[in-house]
Amino acid sequence: IHRRVVQKVGLVKREMFLWGDEREYLF
């Protein structure tokens, strides 16, 4: 992932713990 994407989209939703955080980031 390019840093410009992280700056635009943000960080992973950490509260999700597991199972769903990757799908949420894809959305």
PDB file of all heavy atoms in Angstrom:
ATOM      1  N   ILE A   1       0.838  -1.195   0.000  1.00  0.00           N
ATOM      2  CA  ILE A   1       0.000   0.000   0.000  1.00  0.00           C
ATOM      3  C   ILE A   1       0.880   1.256   0.000  1.00  0.00           C
ATOM      4  O   ILE A   1       1.797   1.379   0.811  1.00  0.00           O
ATOM      5  CB  ILE A   1      -0.928   0.036   1.237  1.00  0.00           C
ATOM      6  CG1 ILE A   1      -1.771  -1.250   1.310  1.00  0.00           C
ATOM      7  CG2 ILE A   1      -1.829   1.255   1.204  1.00  0.00           C
ATOM      8  CD1 ILE A   1      -2.649  -1.322   2.548  1.00  0.00           C
ATOM      9  N   HIS A   2       0.577   2.192  -0.880  1.00  0.00           N
ATOM     10  CA  HIS A   2       1.323   3.446  -0.924  1.00  0.00           C
ATOM     11  C   HIS A   2       0.907   4.351   0.224  1.00  0.00           C
ATOM     12  O   HIS A   2      -0.256   4.355   0.644  1.00  0.00           O
ATOM     13  CB  HIS A   2       1.076   4.158  -2.259  1.00  0.00           C
ATOM     14  CG  HIS A   2       2.069   5.242  -2.550  1.00  0.00           C
ATOM     15  ND1 HIS A   2       1.936   6.523  -2.077  1.00  0.00           N
ATOM     16  CD2 HIS A   2       3.230   5.220  -3.266  1.00  0.00           C
ATOM     17  CE1 HIS A   2       2.967   7.264  -2.485  1.00  0.00           C
ATOM     18  NE2 HIS A   2       3.763   6.497  -3.202  1.00  0.00           N
ATOM     19  N   ARG A   3       1.843   5.142   0.722  1.00  0.00           N
ATOM     20  CA  ARG A   3       1.560   5.992   1.876  1.00  0.00           C
ATOM     21  C   ARG A   3       0.437   6.983   1.592  1.00  0.00           C
ATOM     22  O   ARG A   3      -0.316   7.366   2.494  1.00  0.00           O
ATOM     23  CB  ARG A   3       2.823   6.725   2.351  1.00  0.00           C
ATOM     24  CG  ARG A   3       3.366   7.776   1.410  1.00  0.00           C
ATOM     25  CD  ARG A   3       4.593   8.494   1.988  1.00  0.00           C
ATOM     26  NE  ARG A   3       4.228   9.352   3.097  1.00  0.00           N
ATOM     27  CZ  ARG A   3       4.501   9.079   4.375  1.00  0.00           C
ATOM     28  NH1 ARG A   3       5.106   7.960   4.719  1.00  0.00           N
ATOM     29  NH2 ARG A   3       4.149   9.921   5.312  1.00  0.00           N
ATOM     30  N   ARG A   4       0.281   7.406   0.327  1.00  0.00           N
ATOM     31  CA  ARG A   4      -0.793   8.345   0.007  1.00  0.00           C
ATOM     32  C   ARG A   4      -2.166   7.732   0.269  1.00  0.00           C
ATOM     33  O   ARG A   4      -3.114   8.441   0.609  1.00  0.00           O
ATOM     34  CB  ARG A   4      -0.676   8.803  -1.451  1.00  0.00           C
ATOM     35  CG  ARG A   4       0.567   9.615  -1.754  1.00  0.00           C
ATOM     36  CD  ARG A   4       0.356  10.547  -2.936  1.00  0.00           C
ATOM     37  NE  ARG A   4       0.010   9.822  -4.160  1.00  0.00           N
ATOM     38  CZ  ARG A   4       0.893   9.437  -5.084  1.00  0.00           C
ATOM     39  NH1 ARG A   4       2.181   9.678  -4.906  1.00  0.00           N
ATOM     40  NH2 ARG A   4       0.499   8.821  -6.176  1.00  0.00           N
ATOM     41  N   VAL A   5      -2.262   6.430   0.105  1.00  0.00           N
ATOM     42  CA  VAL A   5      -3.524   5.749   0.385  1.00  0.00           C
ATOM     43  C   VAL A   5      -3.813   5.766   1.881  1.00  0.00           C
ATOM     44  O   VAL A   5      -4.934   6.063   2.306  1.00  0.00           O
ATOM     45  CB  VAL A   5      -3.481   4.291  -0.131  1.00  0.00           C
ATOM     46  CG1 VAL A   5      -4.710   3.527   0.327  1.00  0.00           C
ATOM     47  CG2 VAL A   5      -3.357   4.268  -1.640  1.00  0.00           C
ATOM     48  N   VAL A   6      -2.817   5.460   2.689  1.00  0.00           N
ATOM     49  CA  VAL A   6      -3.010   5.456   4.136  1.00  0.00           C
ATOM     50  C   VAL A   6      -3.365   6.855   4.629  1.00  0.00           C
ATOM     51  O   VAL A   6      -4.221   7.024   5.505  1.00  0.00           O
ATOM     52  CB  VAL A   6      -1.755   4.921   4.849  1.00  0.00           C
ATOM     53  CG1 VAL A   6      -1.980   4.866   6.358  1.00  0.00           C
ATOM     54  CG2 VAL A   6      -1.381   3.538   4.320  1.00  0.00           C
ATOM     55  N   GLN A   7      -2.730   7.861   4.041  1.00  0.00           N
ATOM     56  CA  GLN A   7      -3.034   9.234   4.429  1.00  0.00           C
ATOM     57  C   GLN A   7      -4.459   9.617   4.056  1.00  0.00           C
ATOM     58  O   GLN A   7      -5.118  10.372   4.769  1.00  0.00           O
ATOM     59  CB  GLN A   7      -2.032  10.186   3.780  1.00  0.00           C
ATOM     60  CG  GLN A   7      -0.630  10.080   4.343  1.00  0.00           C
ATOM     61  CD  GLN A   7       0.413  10.800   3.510  1.00  0.00           C
ATOM     62  OE1 GLN A   7       0.245  11.004   2.300  1.00  0.00           O
ATOM     63  NE2 GLN A   7       1.510  11.202   4.151  1.00  0.00           N
ATOM     64  N   LYS A   8      -4.942   9.095   2.941  1.00  0.00           N
ATOM     65  CA  LYS A   8      -6.290   9.430   2.466  1.00  0.00           C
ATOM     66  C   LYS A   8      -7.366   8.588   3.131  1.00  0.00           C
ATOM     67  O   LYS A   8      -8.392   9.111   3.588  1.00  0.00           O
ATOM     68  CB  LYS A   8      -6.358   9.237   0.946  1.00  0.00           C
ATOM     69  CG  LYS A   8      -7.717   9.545   0.343  1.00  0.00           C
ATOM     70  CD  LYS A   8      -7.704   9.348  -1.165  1.00  0.00           C
ATOM     71  CE  LYS A   8      -9.054   9.725  -1.783  1.00  0.00           C
ATOM     72  NZ  LYS A   8      -9.049   9.549  -3.260  1.00  0.00           N
ATOM     73  N   VAL A   9      -7.151   7.290   3.212  1.00  0.00           N
ATOM     74  CA  VAL A   9      -8.172   6.361   3.689  1.00  0.00           C
ATOM     75  C   VAL A   9      -8.130   6.206   5.204  1.00  0.00           C
ATOM     76  O   VAL A   9      -9.147   5.955   5.853  1.00  0.00           O
ATOM     77  CB  VAL A   9      -7.996   4.991   2.992  1.00  0.00           C
ATOM     78  CG1 VAL A   9      -8.952   3.949   3.553  1.00  0.00           C
ATOM     79  CG2 VAL A   9      -8.196   5.141   1.491  1.00  0.00           C
ATOM     80  N   GLY A  10      -6.937   6.357   5.781  1.00  0.00           N
ATOM     81  CA  GLY A  10      -6.786   6.229   7.217  1.00  0.00           C
ATOM     82  C   GLY A  10      -6.196   4.892   7.634  1.00  0.00           C
ATOM     83  O   GLY A  10      -5.822   4.064   6.798  1.00  0.00           O
ATOM     84  N   LEU A  11      -6.103   4.692   8.923  1.00  0.00           N
ATOM     85  CA  LEU A  11      -5.552   3.474   9.485  1.00  0.00           C
ATOM     86  C   LEU A  11      -6.643   2.414   9.652  1.00  0.00           C
ATOM     87  O   LEU A  11      -7.826   2.684   9.497  1.00  0.00           O
ATOM     88  CB  LEU A  11      -4.913   3.771  10.843  1.00  0.00           C
ATOM     89  CG  LEU A  11      -3.847   4.883  10.869  1.00  0.00           C
ATOM     90  CD1 LEU A  11      -3.353   5.094  12.296  1.00  0.00           C
ATOM     91  CD2 LEU A  11      -2.696   4.560   9.943  1.00  0.00           C
ATOM     92  N   VAL A  12      -6.215   1.209   9.961  1.00  0.00           N
ATOM     93  CA  VAL A  12      -7.147   0.104  10.191  1.00  0.00           C
ATOM     94  C   VAL A  12      -8.030   0.421  11.399  1.00  0.00           C
ATOM     95  O   VAL A  12      -7.596   1.066  12.364  1.00  0.00           O
ATOM     96  CB  VAL A  12      -6.349  -1.196  10.438  1.00  0.00           C
ATOM     97  CG1 VAL A  12      -7.273  -2.346  10.824  1.00  0.00           C
ATOM     98  CG2 VAL A  12      -5.543  -1.561   9.195  1.00  0.00           C
ATOM     99  N   LYS A  13      -9.292  -0.034  11.354  1.00  0.00           N
ATOM    100  CA  LYS A  13     -10.193   0.150  12.500  1.00  0.00           C
ATOM    101  C   LYS A  13      -9.768  -0.843  13.582  1.00  0.00           C
ATOM    102  O   LYS A  13     -10.166  -2.006  13.580  1.00  0.00           O
ATOM    103  CB  LYS A  13     -11.646  -0.078  12.085  1.00  0.00           C
ATOM    104  CG  LYS A  13     -12.646   0.198  13.209  1.00  0.00           C
ATOM    105  CD  LYS A  13     -14.074   0.135  12.717  1.00  0.00           C
ATOM    106  CE  LYS A  13     -15.079   0.293  13.853  1.00  0.00           C
ATOM    107  NZ  LYS A  13     -14.925   1.562  14.602  1.00  0.00           N
ATOM    108  N   ARG A  14      -8.988  -0.349  14.530  1.00  0.00           N
ATOM    109  CA  ARG A  14      -8.335  -1.231  15.489  1.00  0.00           C
ATOM    110  C   ARG A  14      -9.297  -1.917  16.440  1.00  0.00           C
ATOM    111  O   ARG A  14      -9.012  -2.999  16.960  1.00  0.00           O
ATOM    112  CB  ARG A  14      -7.304  -0.435  16.294  1.00  0.00           C
ATOM    113  CG  ARG A  14      -7.857   0.755  17.038  1.00  0.00           C
ATOM    114  CD  ARG A  14      -6.753   1.516  17.749  1.00  0.00           C
ATOM    115  NE  ARG A  14      -7.222   2.786  18.278  1.00  0.00           N
ATOM    116  CZ  ARG A  14      -6.439   3.643  18.933  1.00  0.00           C
ATOM    117  NH1 ARG A  14      -5.174   3.322  19.152  1.00  0.00           N
ATOM    118  NH2 ARG A  14      -6.920   4.779  19.378  1.00  0.00           N
ATOM    119  N   GLU A  15     -10.471  -1.308  16.694  1.00  0.00           N
ATOM    120  CA  GLU A  15     -11.415  -1.901  17.640  1.00  0.00           C
ATOM    121  C   GLU A  15     -11.959  -3.247  17.168  1.00  0.00           C
ATOM    122  O   GLU A  15     -12.492  -4.021  17.955  1.00  0.00           O
ATOM    123  CB  GLU A  15     -12.595  -0.945  17.887  1.00  0.00           C
ATOM    124  CG  GLU A  15     -12.211   0.399  18.462  1.00  0.00           C
ATOM    125  CD  GLU A  15     -11.967   1.440  17.373  1.00  0.00           C
ATOM    126  OE1 GLU A  15     -11.737   1.039  16.209  1.00  0.00           O
ATOM    127  OE2 GLU A  15     -12.017   2.638  17.693  1.00  0.00           O
ATOM    128  N   MET A  16     -11.837  -3.543  15.880  1.00  0.00           N
ATOM    129  CA  MET A  16     -12.411  -4.774  15.349  1.00  0.00           C
ATOM    130  C   MET A  16     -11.674  -6.024  15.829  1.00  0.00           C
ATOM    131  O   MET A  16     -12.204  -7.122  15.742  1.00  0.00           O
ATOM    132  CB  MET A  16     -12.439  -4.727  13.820  1.00  0.00           C
ATOM    133  CG  MET A  16     -13.542  -3.844  13.280  1.00  0.00           C
ATOM    134  SD  MET A  16     -13.686  -3.959  11.489  1.00  0.00           S
ATOM    135  CE  MET A  16     -15.445  -3.703  11.274  1.00  0.00           C
ATOM    136  N   PHE A  17     -10.464  -5.877  16.277  1.00  0.00           N
ATOM    137  CA  PHE A  17      -9.662  -6.959  16.832  1.00  0.00           C
ATOM    138  C   PHE A  17      -9.237  -7.967  15.767  1.00  0.00           C
ATOM    139  O   PHE A  17      -8.072  -8.149  15.482  1.00  0.00           O
ATOM    140  CB  PHE A  17     -10.393  -7.656  17.993  1.00  0.00           C
ATOM    141  CG  PHE A  17      -9.502  -8.542  18.818  1.00  0.00           C
ATOM    142  CD1 PHE A  17      -8.613  -7.989  19.725  1.00  0.00           C
ATOM    143  CD2 PHE A  17      -9.547  -9.919  18.704  1.00  0.00           C
ATOM    144  CE1 PHE A  17      -7.783  -8.793  20.499  1.00  0.00           C
ATOM    145  CE2 PHE A  17      -8.720 -10.740  19.466  1.00  0.00           C
ATOM    146  CZ  PHE A  17      -7.839 -10.166  20.355  1.00  0.00           C
ATOM    147  N   LEU A  18     -10.171  -8.658  15.154  1.00  0.00           N
ATOM    148  CA  LEU A  18      -9.888  -9.566  14.043  1.00  0.00           C
ATOM    149  C   LEU A  18     -11.194  -9.870  13.321  1.00  0.00           C
ATOM    150  O   LEU A  18     -12.272  -9.528  13.786  1.00  0.00           O
ATOM    151  CB  LEU A  18      -9.228 -10.861  14.517  1.00  0.00           C
ATOM    152  CG  LEU A  18     -10.100 -12.004  15.077  1.00  0.00           C
ATOM    153  CD1 LEU A  18      -9.265 -13.263  15.165  1.00  0.00           C
ATOM    154  CD2 LEU A  18     -10.660 -11.669  16.427  1.00  0.00           C
ATOM    155  N   TRP A  19     -11.074 -10.523  12.144  1.00  0.00           N
ATOM    156  CA  TRP A  19     -12.239 -10.949  11.357  1.00  0.00           C
ATOM    157  C   TRP A  19     -13.164  -9.789  11.002  1.00  0.00           C
ATOM    158  O   TRP A  19     -14.230  -9.625  11.579  1.00  0.00           O
ATOM    159  CB  TRP A  19     -13.025 -12.036  12.080  1.00  0.00           C
ATOM    160  CG  TRP A  19     -12.335 -13.340  12.131  1.00  0.00           C
ATOM    161  CD1 TRP A  19     -11.372 -13.800  11.281  1.00  0.00           C
ATOM    162  CD2 TRP A  19     -12.535 -14.356  13.106  1.00  0.00           C
ATOM    163  NE1 TRP A  19     -10.965 -15.046  11.659  1.00  0.00           N
ATOM    164  CE2 TRP A  19     -11.660 -15.415  12.783  1.00  0.00           C
ATOM    165  CE3 TRP A  19     -13.366 -14.484  14.219  1.00  0.00           C
ATOM    166  CZ2 TRP A  19     -11.595 -16.578  13.518  1.00  0.00           C
ATOM    167  CZ3 TRP A  19     -13.305 -15.637  14.948  1.00  0.00           C
ATOM    168  CH2 TRP A  19     -12.431 -16.679  14.603  1.00  0.00           C
ATOM    169  N   GLY A  20     -12.759  -9.013  10.066  1.00  0.00           N
ATOM    170  CA  GLY A  20     -13.591  -7.922   9.581  1.00  0.00           C
ATOM    171  C   GLY A  20     -12.816  -6.665   9.295  1.00  0.00           C
ATOM    172  O   GLY A  20     -13.223  -5.838   8.469  1.00  0.00           O
ATOM    173  N   ASP A  21     -11.690  -6.475   9.968  1.00  0.00           N
ATOM    174  CA  ASP A  21     -10.897  -5.266   9.757  1.00  0.00           C
ATOM    175  C   ASP A  21     -10.386  -5.169   8.323  1.00  0.00           C
ATOM    176  O   ASP A  21     -10.345  -4.092   7.729  1.00  0.00           O
ATOM    177  CB  ASP A  21      -9.729  -5.213  10.737  1.00  0.00           C
ATOM    178  CG  ASP A  21      -8.876  -6.467  10.718  1.00  0.00           C
ATOM    179  OD1 ASP A  21      -9.401  -7.547  11.050  1.00  0.00           O
ATOM    180  OD2 ASP A  21      -7.688  -6.379  10.369  1.00  0.00           O
ATOM    181  N   GLU A  22      -9.990  -6.324   7.740  1.00  0.00           N
ATOM    182  CA  GLU A  22      -9.483  -6.303   6.370  1.00  0.00           C
ATOM    183  C   GLU A  22     -10.604  -5.991   5.381  1.00  0.00           C
ATOM    184  O   GLU A  22     -10.403  -5.256   4.393  1.00  0.00           O
ATOM    185  CB  GLU A  22      -8.790  -7.631   6.024  1.00  0.00           C
ATOM    186  CG  GLU A  22      -9.691  -8.841   5.859  1.00  0.00           C
ATOM    187  CD  GLU A  22     -10.305  -9.341   7.147  1.00  0.00           C
ATOM    188  OE1 GLU A  22      -9.813  -9.010   8.244  1.00  0.00           O
ATOM    189  OE2 GLU A  22     -11.309 -10.073   7.058  1.00  0.00           O
ATOM    190  N   ARG A  23     -11.799  -6.531   5.637  1.00  0.00           N
ATOM    191  CA  ARG A  23     -12.948  -6.244   4.768  1.00  0.00           C
ATOM    192  C   ARG A  23     -13.364  -4.784   4.892  1.00  0.00           C
ATOM    193  O   ARG A  23     -13.704  -4.128   3.903  1.00  0.00           O
ATOM    194  CB  ARG A  23     -14.099  -7.168   5.167  1.00  0.00           C
ATOM    195  CG  ARG A  23     -15.338  -7.058   4.297  1.00  0.00           C
ATOM    196  CD  ARG A  23     -15.089  -7.390   2.860  1.00  0.00           C
ATOM    197  NE  ARG A  23     -14.447  -8.683   2.673  1.00  0.00           N
ATOM    198  CZ  ARG A  23     -14.055  -9.145   1.496  1.00  0.00           C
ATOM    199  NH1 ARG A  23     -14.227  -8.408   0.421  1.00  0.00           N
ATOM    200  NH2 ARG A  23     -13.478 -10.317   1.403  1.00  0.00           N
ATOM    201  N   GLU A  24     -13.324  -4.256   6.106  1.00  0.00           N
ATOM    202  CA  GLU A  24     -13.685  -2.851   6.316  1.00  0.00           C
ATOM    203  C   GLU A  24     -12.724  -1.929   5.574  1.00  0.00           C
ATOM    204  O   GLU A  24     -13.139  -0.932   4.976  1.00  0.00           O
ATOM    205  CB  GLU A  24     -13.685  -2.545   7.821  1.00  0.00           C
ATOM    206  CG  GLU A  24     -14.394  -1.260   8.211  1.00  0.00           C
ATOM    207  CD  GLU A  24     -13.511  -0.028   8.138  1.00  0.00           C
ATOM    208  OE1 GLU A  24     -12.274  -0.179   8.215  1.00  0.00           O
ATOM    209  OE2 GLU A  24     -14.057   1.087   8.001  1.00  0.00           O
ATOM    210  N   TYR A  25     -11.435  -2.278   5.584  1.00  0.00           N
ATOM    211  CA  TYR A  25     -10.467  -1.434   4.880  1.00  0.00           C
ATOM    212  C   TYR A  25     -10.690  -1.523   3.368  1.00  0.00           C
ATOM    213  O   TYR A  25     -10.567  -0.516   2.653  1.00  0.00           O
ATOM    214  CB  TYR A  25      -9.039  -1.857   5.229  1.00  0.00           C
ATOM    215  CG  TYR A  25      -8.040  -0.733   5.095  1.00  0.00           C
ATOM    216  CD1 TYR A  25      -7.945   0.247   6.078  1.00  0.00           C
ATOM    217  CD2 TYR A  25      -7.208  -0.633   3.994  1.00  0.00           C
ATOM    218  CE1 TYR A  25      -7.047   1.298   5.969  1.00  0.00           C
ATOM    219  CE2 TYR A  25      -6.302   0.415   3.869  1.00  0.00           C
ATOM    220  CZ  TYR A  25      -6.220   1.372   4.853  1.00  0.00           C
ATOM    221  OH  TYR A  25      -5.332   2.419   4.734  1.00  0.00           O
ATOM    222  N   LEU A  26     -11.041  -2.686   2.882  1.00  0.00           N
ATOM    223  CA  LEU A  26     -11.327  -2.848   1.464  1.00  0.00           C
ATOM    224  C   LEU A  26     -12.527  -2.003   1.054  1.00  0.00           C
ATOM    225  O   LEU A  26     -12.523  -1.362  -0.008  1.00  0.00           O
ATOM    226  CB  LEU A  26     -11.580  -4.325   1.155  1.00  0.00           C
ATOM    227  CG  LEU A  26     -11.667  -4.719  -0.318  1.00  0.00           C
ATOM    228  CD1 LEU A  26     -10.358  -4.430  -1.037  1.00  0.00           C
ATOM    229  CD2 LEU A  26     -12.013  -6.195  -0.440  1.00  0.00           C
ATOM    230  N   PHE A  27     -13.562  -1.969   1.882  1.00  0.00           N
ATOM    231  CA  PHE A  27     -14.719  -1.126   1.594  1.00  0.00           C
ATOM    232  C   PHE A  27     -14.313   0.344   1.525  1.00  0.00           C
ATOM    233  O   PHE A  27     -14.835   1.105   0.701  1.00  0.00           O
ATOM    234  CB  PHE A  27     -15.796  -1.322   2.665  1.00  0.00           C
ATOM    235  CG  PHE A  27     -16.665  -2.525   2.445  1.00  0.00           C
ATOM    236  CD1 PHE A  27     -16.848  -3.456   3.462  1.00  0.00           C
ATOM    237  CD2 PHE A  27     -17.311  -2.731   1.239  1.00  0.00           C
ATOM    238  CE1 PHE A  27     -17.655  -4.568   3.268  1.00  0.00           C
ATOM    239  CE2 PHE A  27     -18.125  -3.835   1.035  1.00  0.00           C
ATOM    240  CZ  PHE A  27     -18.298  -4.759   2.059  1.00  0.00           C
TER     241      PHE A  27
END
